[in-house]
Amino acid sequence: MTIKIFPALNGDSIMLEYADNHYALIDGGYVDTCKNYLQPELKAMAQNGKSLELVVVTHIDSDHISGVLRLFEESPKLIQIDNVWHNAYRHVQSPVKVVDMEEDFIHHNISKEVNADEFKKVSAKQGSTLAGHIQSNDFIWNAQFGGNAVMAGNSISIGDVMLHIISPTSSNIEQLRKFWVKELIKSGLLNKEHSNEFWDDAFDFSLAKDKPGFRFNTHNVGGTTDLENIKQQPYTPDTSATNGSSISFVMEVEGKRLLMLGDAQAETIVEGLRNLYGAQESPIYFDAIKLAHHGSFNNNSPELISMIDSANWIISTNGDTYNHPDIETLAHILTKGGDVFRKLYFNYSRTICKALNTKELHDKYKFEIIVPKEENEATLIVLKNE
């Protein structure tokens, strides 16, 4: 099994080869992630007769959705895609009447043109969202859920792989719906009739304005070695409606078990793991764990980290915007103890990596920091079968 973490700036884009020639793509990062990594990778795969069995768009934050949106805009037939999981407006819709009619919706494109180093203002026609492209390209969409929302409590098999959905819950979806209705009312749109495509556009636009439900990391990691003291920092949960709606899951295949957490909220993950594994003694071991929300301490609570463990921890971010990952998250992981030698995989070399790579810490705790050898190089994790 291989896990390829693409350089996606402060976002996520991860390719899983979970069995020989069986692939899944989790999120697409930004527009440049698509151009520089996804399109060349998928083109090479297609030329070798390979396909994507699953594309998961965990939620609509621009650092997760933009690359997939650009892929589906420009080259939707580049490679065979068997299944798409993505929760759009139609999966959480409020009780408003919709009709089939033409509408335009002018908004700021949530796709970030990285080369321009800014968010560009564009005019977007109805159906310009990811939902519109999924439908217009006839992709098989949330089929394993009867066309309904991808939601916690479902266990889905695709070939030989089993996927257990642990978020979002119905309450997360309801929180998202309430936020959506609030935005509609503020925009004066709630009592109007529009097409499904219009609502998808408005949904993506309004949720892209959701304010962060987490704090900025201001902890100075330069020269930091007292991880036990750092662990004592108080935990505050993320309250963002969009992050709460993030799809996260456990993947089980060929004796391996992965935990892919998107930007999900720690409390939802803990609930989902308890429902899945019952009274199983903690920590629950996974062959690899993709930390929630780029290692934010607001999404990786002490309770969650004490509940799980792995030899391979994945942190996907260059630290832009929110200075992720938080040192508190890594402190809780590295001080877990036990017999596990832990590897922390970064897709960018960060200041925090250098701060943790000290003889004092390596002598005290059993861990390794792994960063790309070259700038803008994907990080590859190979999990060998025993």
Protein backbone atom coordinates (compact mmCIF):
# COMPACT_ATOMS: atom_id res chain seq x y z
CA MET A 1 0.00 0.00 0.00
CA THR A 2 1.27 3.46 -0.85
CA ILE A 3 0.12 6.90 0.32
CA LYS A 4 1.23 9.88 -1.79
CA ILE A 5 0.82 13.30 -0.17
CA PHE A 6 0.93 15.99 -2.85
CA PRO A 7 2.28 19.48 -2.10
CA ALA A 8 -1.06 21.29 -1.76
CA LEU A 9 0.09 24.42 0.09
CA ASN A 10 -2.08 24.67 3.21
CA GLY A 11 -4.53 22.11 1.79
CA ASP A 12 -5.00 18.38 1.28
CA SER A 13 -4.55 16.15 -1.75
CA ILE A 14 -3.71 12.52 -1.12
CA MET A 15 -3.54 9.54 -3.50
CA LEU A 16 -3.97 6.08 -2.05
CA GLU A 17 -2.92 2.91 -3.88
CA TYR A 18 -4.59 0.65 -1.37
CA ALA A 19 -4.02 -2.53 -3.39
CA ASP A 20 -2.16 -3.25 -6.62
CA ASN A 21 -3.62 -0.92 -9.28
CA HIS A 22 -6.52 0.16 -7.04
CA TYR A 23 -6.55 3.90 -6.40
CA ALA A 24 -8.49 6.53 -4.45
CA LEU A 25 -7.99 10.31 -4.45
CA ILE A 26 -8.81 12.22 -1.27
CA ASP A 27 -9.29 15.94 -2.02
CA GLY A 28 -7.56 18.03 -4.66
CA GLY A 29 -5.86 20.94 -2.94
CA TYR A 30 -5.77 24.17 -4.95
CA VAL A 31 -5.86 24.89 -8.69
CA ASP A 32 -2.07 24.64 -8.95
CA THR A 33 -2.20 21.29 -7.16
CA CYS A 34 -4.33 20.06 -10.03
CA LYS A 35 -2.12 21.57 -12.74
CA ASN A 36 1.25 20.58 -11.29
CA TYR A 37 0.45 17.22 -9.71
CA LEU A 38 -3.00 15.75 -10.27
CA GLN A 39 -3.25 16.13 -14.03
CA PRO A 40 0.24 14.71 -14.78
CA GLU A 41 -0.26 11.89 -12.25
CA LEU A 42 -3.70 10.92 -13.58
CA LYS A 43 -2.57 11.18 -17.19
CA ALA A 44 0.28 8.75 -16.53
CA MET A 45 -2.06 6.40 -14.70
CA ALA A 46 -4.58 6.46 -17.54
CA GLN A 47 -1.87 5.74 -20.12
CA ASN A 48 -1.02 2.62 -18.13
CA GLY A 49 -4.65 1.48 -18.12
CA LYS A 50 -5.35 2.46 -14.52
CA SER A 51 -8.45 4.15 -13.11
CA LEU A 52 -9.62 5.91 -9.95
CA GLU A 53 -12.05 3.73 -8.05
CA LEU A 54 -13.01 6.57 -5.74
CA VAL A 55 -12.68 10.35 -5.45
CA VAL A 56 -13.60 11.77 -2.03
CA VAL A 57 -14.10 15.52 -1.63
CA THR A 58 -14.21 15.77 2.13
CA HIS A 59 -15.84 19.24 2.27
CA ILE A 60 -16.01 22.46 0.28
CA ASP A 61 -13.18 24.51 1.79
CA SER A 62 -11.11 25.90 -1.07
CA ASP A 63 -7.91 24.13 0.05
CA HIS A 64 -9.64 20.78 -0.47
CA ILE A 65 -12.09 21.32 -3.31
CA SER A 66 -10.42 23.69 -5.79
CA GLY A 67 -8.11 21.17 -7.45
CA VAL A 68 -10.93 18.68 -8.00
CA LEU A 69 -13.15 21.45 -9.33
CA ARG A 70 -10.47 22.45 -11.84
CA LEU A 71 -9.91 18.80 -12.81
CA PHE A 72 -13.62 18.31 -13.50
CA GLU A 73 -13.79 21.62 -15.38
CA GLU A 74 -10.84 21.06 -17.69
CA SER A 75 -10.21 17.34 -17.98
CA PRO A 76 -13.06 15.31 -16.48
CA LYS A 77 -12.41 12.41 -18.87
CA LEU A 78 -8.65 12.34 -18.29
CA ILE A 79 -9.05 9.08 -16.37
CA GLN A 80 -11.88 6.68 -15.62
CA ILE A 81 -13.50 7.63 -12.29
CA ASP A 82 -15.77 4.96 -10.86
CA ASN A 83 -17.24 6.75 -7.84
CA VAL A 84 -17.38 10.29 -6.41
CA TRP A 85 -18.27 11.10 -2.80
CA HIS A 86 -19.18 14.74 -2.18
CA ASN A 87 -21.91 16.30 -0.05
CA ALA A 88 -23.46 19.27 -1.88
CA TYR A 89 -26.48 21.51 -1.27
CA ARG A 90 -28.92 18.83 -2.41
CA HIS A 91 -27.72 16.56 0.42
CA VAL A 92 -28.38 19.06 3.22
CA GLN A 93 -31.02 21.23 1.60
CA SER A 94 -33.35 23.37 3.63
CA PRO A 95 -37.09 23.15 2.89
CA VAL A 96 -37.18 25.64 0.03
CA LYS A 97 -38.95 25.04 -3.25
CA VAL A 98 -36.68 24.69 -6.27
CA VAL A 99 -37.64 24.62 -9.93
CA ASP A 100 -35.73 23.97 -13.14
CA MET A 101 -34.96 27.37 -14.56
CA GLU A 102 -31.93 29.24 -15.85
CA GLU A 103 -30.13 31.43 -13.36
CA ASP A 104 -26.74 33.05 -13.12
CA PHE A 105 -24.95 33.57 -9.84
CA ILE A 106 -22.07 36.04 -9.71
CA HIS A 107 -19.56 35.31 -6.99
CA HIS A 108 -15.89 35.05 -6.13
CA ASN A 109 -14.62 31.72 -7.36
CA ILE A 110 -13.57 29.62 -4.38
CA SER A 111 -10.74 28.20 -6.49
CA LYS A 112 -7.45 29.84 -5.63
CA GLU A 113 -5.18 30.71 -8.56
CA VAL A 114 -1.94 30.22 -6.69
CA ASN A 115 0.31 31.70 -9.36
CA ALA A 116 -1.55 35.00 -9.06
CA ASP A 117 -1.02 34.90 -5.29
CA GLU A 118 -4.56 36.10 -4.68
CA PHE A 119 -8.20 35.11 -4.93
CA LYS A 120 -9.41 36.19 -8.37
CA LYS A 121 -12.86 37.65 -8.87
CA VAL A 122 -14.72 35.84 -11.64
CA SER A 123 -18.25 35.49 -12.96
CA ALA A 124 -19.58 31.97 -12.69
CA LYS A 125 -22.59 30.59 -14.57
CA GLN A 126 -25.09 28.30 -12.88
CA GLY A 127 -23.73 24.80 -12.55
CA SER A 128 -20.15 26.04 -12.18
CA THR A 129 -19.72 24.38 -8.81
CA LEU A 130 -18.29 20.92 -8.28
CA ALA A 131 -21.81 19.55 -7.89
CA GLY A 132 -22.72 20.86 -11.32
CA HIS A 133 -19.65 19.28 -12.90
CA ILE A 134 -20.25 15.94 -11.21
CA GLN A 135 -23.78 15.89 -12.57
CA SER A 136 -22.97 17.16 -16.06
CA ASN A 137 -20.20 14.58 -16.46
CA ASP A 138 -22.48 11.75 -15.31
CA PHE A 139 -20.14 10.62 -12.55
CA ILE A 140 -21.54 8.02 -10.17
CA TRP A 141 -22.24 10.25 -7.18
CA ASN A 142 -22.73 9.03 -3.57
CA ALA A 143 -24.18 5.86 -5.09
CA GLN A 144 -23.29 3.70 -2.07
CA PHE A 145 -25.51 5.98 0.03
CA GLY A 146 -28.51 5.86 -2.29
CA GLY A 147 -27.60 9.29 -3.66
CA ASN A 148 -27.97 10.77 -0.19
CA ALA A 149 -25.31 12.36 2.03
CA VAL A 150 -22.14 10.51 2.91
CA MET A 151 -22.71 10.15 6.63
CA ALA A 152 -21.32 8.46 9.76
CA GLY A 153 -22.56 5.01 10.66
CA ASN A 154 -22.26 3.57 7.16
CA SER A 155 -19.79 0.83 6.25
CA ILE A 156 -19.23 0.54 2.52
CA SER A 157 -17.35 -2.07 0.49
CA ILE A 158 -15.83 -1.21 -2.88
CA GLY A 159 -14.21 -4.33 -4.24
CA ASP A 160 -11.91 -5.69 -1.54
CA VAL A 161 -11.74 -2.45 0.45
CA MET A 162 -14.03 -1.63 3.38
CA LEU A 163 -14.67 1.99 4.32
CA HIS A 164 -16.27 2.92 7.64
CA ILE A 165 -17.62 6.48 7.67
CA ILE A 166 -17.08 8.22 11.03
CA SER A 167 -18.11 11.78 10.10
CA PRO A 168 -20.14 13.83 9.43
CA THR A 169 -23.06 12.91 11.70
CA SER A 170 -26.64 14.02 11.19
CA SER A 171 -26.05 16.76 13.77
CA ASN A 172 -23.03 18.02 11.79
CA ILE A 173 -25.19 18.12 8.66
CA GLU A 174 -27.93 19.97 10.58
CA GLN A 175 -25.38 22.52 11.83
CA LEU A 176 -24.31 23.05 8.23
CA ARG A 177 -27.94 23.41 7.12
CA LYS A 178 -28.61 26.06 9.78
CA PHE A 179 -25.55 28.01 8.74
CA TRP A 180 -26.69 27.78 5.11
CA VAL A 181 -30.20 29.05 5.91
CA LYS A 182 -28.73 31.92 7.92
CA GLU A 183 -26.58 32.91 4.94
CA LEU A 184 -29.59 32.70 2.58
CA ILE A 185 -31.61 34.98 4.80
CA LYS A 186 -28.75 37.48 5.06
CA SER A 187 -28.45 37.43 1.25
CA GLY A 188 -32.19 37.90 0.79
CA LEU A 189 -32.48 34.69 -1.25
CA LEU A 190 -34.53 32.39 0.96
CA ASN A 191 -37.96 33.12 -0.48
CA LYS A 192 -36.92 33.01 -4.14
CA GLU A 193 -37.26 30.07 -6.51
CA HIS A 194 -34.12 28.98 -8.28
CA SER A 195 -32.68 25.97 -10.05
CA ASN A 196 -30.76 23.24 -8.25
CA GLU A 197 -27.62 24.50 -9.96
CA PHE A 198 -28.17 28.00 -8.57
CA TRP A 199 -28.54 26.66 -5.07
CA ASP A 200 -25.34 24.63 -5.46
CA ASP A 201 -23.51 27.82 -6.47
CA ALA A 202 -24.98 29.83 -3.60
CA PHE A 203 -24.26 26.99 -1.17
CA ASP A 204 -20.58 26.76 -2.06
CA PHE A 205 -20.17 30.54 -2.06
CA SER A 206 -21.83 31.17 1.28
CA LEU A 207 -20.10 28.30 3.06
CA ALA A 208 -16.73 29.44 1.73
CA LYS A 209 -17.31 32.54 3.89
CA ASP A 210 -17.69 30.48 7.09
CA LYS A 211 -15.43 31.99 9.72
CA PRO A 212 -12.76 29.77 11.28
CA GLY A 213 -13.96 27.99 14.40
CA PHE A 214 -10.43 27.60 15.70
CA ARG A 215 -7.58 29.75 16.99
CA PHE A 216 -4.40 30.80 15.25
CA ASN A 217 -1.26 29.04 16.46
CA THR A 218 0.89 31.70 18.10
CA HIS A 219 3.09 29.32 20.11
CA ASN A 220 6.76 29.99 19.43
CA VAL A 221 8.33 26.63 18.57
CA GLY A 222 11.86 27.96 18.16
CA GLY A 223 14.06 25.98 20.54
CA THR A 224 11.06 24.33 22.22
CA THR A 225 11.88 21.05 23.95
CA ASP A 226 9.51 20.88 26.92
CA LEU A 227 6.73 18.87 25.28
CA GLU A 228 5.30 17.76 28.61
CA ASN A 229 4.66 21.38 29.53
CA ILE A 230 3.23 22.19 26.09
CA LYS A 231 0.73 19.33 26.56
CA GLN A 232 -0.83 21.28 29.42
CA GLN A 233 -2.17 23.97 27.09
CA PRO A 234 -6.00 24.05 27.25
CA TYR A 235 -7.93 22.47 24.39
CA THR A 236 -10.73 24.37 22.61
CA PRO A 237 -12.81 22.54 19.97
CA ASP A 238 -13.26 23.73 16.39
CA THR A 239 -16.81 25.02 15.84
CA SER A 240 -16.69 25.68 12.08
CA ALA A 241 -19.80 24.33 10.32
CA THR A 242 -17.85 23.46 7.17
CA ASN A 243 -15.13 21.56 9.03
CA GLY A 244 -17.84 19.79 11.01
CA SER A 245 -19.30 18.53 7.72
CA SER A 246 -15.98 16.99 6.64
CA ILE A 247 -16.05 13.36 5.49
CA SER A 248 -13.66 11.19 7.49
CA PHE A 249 -13.33 7.42 7.41
CA VAL A 250 -11.46 4.27 8.30
CA MET A 251 -10.18 2.25 5.33
CA GLU A 252 -9.53 -1.47 5.81
CA VAL A 253 -7.86 -3.50 3.06
CA GLU A 254 -5.41 -6.40 2.86
CA GLY A 255 -4.84 -6.40 6.60
CA LYS A 256 -4.08 -2.66 6.71
CA ARG A 257 -6.14 0.00 8.48
CA LEU A 258 -5.95 3.72 7.68
CA LEU A 259 -7.60 6.65 9.47
CA MET A 260 -8.29 9.57 7.11
CA LEU A 261 -9.65 12.54 9.06
CA GLY A 262 -10.12 15.40 6.57
CA ASP A 263 -10.85 18.55 8.60
CA ALA A 264 -13.33 16.81 10.89
CA GLN A 265 -14.00 17.80 14.49
CA ALA A 266 -12.38 15.73 17.23
CA GLU A 267 -15.61 15.13 19.15
CA THR A 268 -17.29 13.66 16.07
CA ILE A 269 -14.29 11.44 15.35
CA VAL A 270 -14.21 10.14 18.93
CA GLU A 271 -17.94 9.36 18.77
CA GLY A 272 -17.55 7.64 15.41
CA LEU A 273 -14.64 5.48 16.57
CA ARG A 274 -16.50 4.46 19.72
CA ASN A 275 -19.52 3.48 17.66
CA LEU A 276 -17.31 1.51 15.27
CA TYR A 277 -15.03 -0.26 17.74
CA GLY A 278 -17.20 -0.38 20.86
CA ALA A 279 -15.39 -1.10 24.08
CA GLN A 280 -12.11 -2.00 22.36
CA GLU A 281 -9.21 -1.04 24.57
CA SER A 282 -7.46 2.20 23.63
CA PRO A 283 -5.33 3.11 21.87
CA ILE A 284 -6.82 1.78 18.64
CA TYR A 285 -3.93 1.08 16.28
CA PHE A 286 -3.91 2.22 12.64
CA ASP A 287 -1.21 1.63 10.05
CA ALA A 288 -1.38 5.32 9.16
CA ILE A 289 -3.30 8.35 10.45
CA LYS A 290 -3.90 11.54 8.46
CA LEU A 291 -4.26 14.17 11.17
CA ALA A 292 -7.42 16.25 11.10
CA HIS A 293 -7.25 19.82 9.79
CA HIS A 294 -3.52 19.87 9.05
CA GLY A 295 -2.62 19.16 12.67
CA SER A 296 -4.72 21.90 14.28
CA PHE A 297 -4.97 21.37 18.04
CA ASN A 298 -8.62 22.43 17.83
CA ASN A 299 -9.37 19.32 15.73
CA ASN A 300 -7.02 16.84 17.43
CA SER A 301 -8.03 16.82 21.07
CA PRO A 302 -6.04 15.11 23.85
CA GLU A 303 -8.95 12.64 24.13
CA LEU A 304 -8.74 11.75 20.43
CA ILE A 305 -4.96 11.38 20.36
CA SER A 306 -5.01 9.19 23.48
CA MET A 307 -7.63 7.00 21.76
CA ILE A 308 -5.58 6.27 18.61
CA ASP A 309 -2.01 5.38 17.70
CA SER A 310 0.14 4.63 14.67
CA ALA A 311 3.73 4.33 13.52
CA ASN A 312 2.86 6.71 10.67
CA TRP A 313 1.29 10.16 11.19
CA ILE A 314 0.55 12.42 8.20
CA ILE A 315 0.58 16.23 8.34
CA SER A 316 -0.45 17.95 5.10
CA THR A 317 0.30 21.70 5.10
CA ASN A 318 2.89 24.35 4.33
CA GLY A 319 1.64 26.38 7.30
CA ASP A 320 0.13 29.25 5.30
CA THR A 321 -2.76 31.19 6.83
CA TYR A 322 -3.13 29.37 10.18
CA ASN A 323 0.47 28.29 10.93
CA HIS A 324 -0.49 24.64 11.18
CA PRO A 325 0.39 22.16 12.58
CA ASP A 326 0.05 23.19 16.21
CA ILE A 327 2.91 22.20 18.51
CA GLU A 328 0.36 21.03 21.10
CA THR A 329 -0.94 18.36 18.71
CA LEU A 330 2.55 17.02 18.03
CA ALA A 331 3.45 17.14 21.72
CA HIS A 332 0.53 14.86 22.58
CA ILE A 333 1.57 12.41 19.82
CA LEU A 334 5.28 12.30 20.60
CA THR A 335 4.80 11.84 24.35
CA LYS A 336 2.35 8.93 24.04
CA GLY A 337 5.03 6.45 25.11
CA GLY A 338 4.73 2.70 24.62
CA ASP A 339 6.73 0.58 22.19
CA VAL A 340 5.68 2.37 18.98
CA PHE A 341 8.40 4.16 17.00
CA ARG A 342 6.46 7.04 15.43
CA LYS A 343 7.21 8.66 12.08
CA LEU A 344 5.73 12.09 11.35
CA TYR A 345 5.41 12.67 7.61
CA PHE A 346 5.25 16.27 6.37
CA ASN A 347 4.73 17.30 2.75
CA TYR A 348 6.66 20.53 3.43
CA SER A 349 9.70 21.23 5.56
CA ARG A 350 8.42 23.46 8.36
CA THR A 351 10.10 25.41 11.13
CA ILE A 352 8.40 23.10 13.60
CA CYS A 353 10.18 20.12 12.00
CA LYS A 354 13.57 21.67 12.73
CA ALA A 355 12.53 22.63 16.25
CA LEU A 356 11.58 19.03 17.03
CA ASN A 357 14.67 17.49 15.43
CA THR A 358 16.91 17.85 18.48
CA LYS A 359 19.10 15.26 20.17
CA GLU A 360 17.37 15.96 23.48
CA LEU A 361 13.94 15.06 22.09
CA HIS A 362 15.18 12.07 20.09
CA ASP A 363 16.90 10.70 23.18
CA LYS A 364 13.74 11.11 25.24
CA TYR A 365 11.09 10.03 22.73
CA LYS A 366 11.11 7.48 19.90
CA PHE A 367 10.24 9.31 16.69
CA GLU A 368 11.45 10.50 13.29
CA ILE A 369 10.52 13.61 11.30
CA ILE A 370 10.29 12.92 7.55
CA VAL A 371 10.13 15.79 5.04
CA PRO A 372 10.48 15.84 1.23
CA LYS A 373 14.05 15.62 -0.04
CA GLU A 374 13.31 18.21 -2.72
CA GLU A 375 11.08 21.27 -2.62
CA ASN A 376 7.64 20.69 -4.21
CA GLU A 377 8.14 16.92 -4.16
CA ALA A 378 5.31 14.61 -3.13
CA THR A 379 5.83 12.68 0.11
CA LEU A 380 5.47 8.91 -0.32
CA ILE A 381 4.63 6.42 2.43
CA VAL A 382 4.95 2.72 1.65
CA LEU A 383 3.20 0.30 4.01
CA LYS A 384 4.60 -3.16 3.38
CA ASN A 385 2.53 -6.29 3.83
CA GLU A 386 3.79 -8.45 6.67
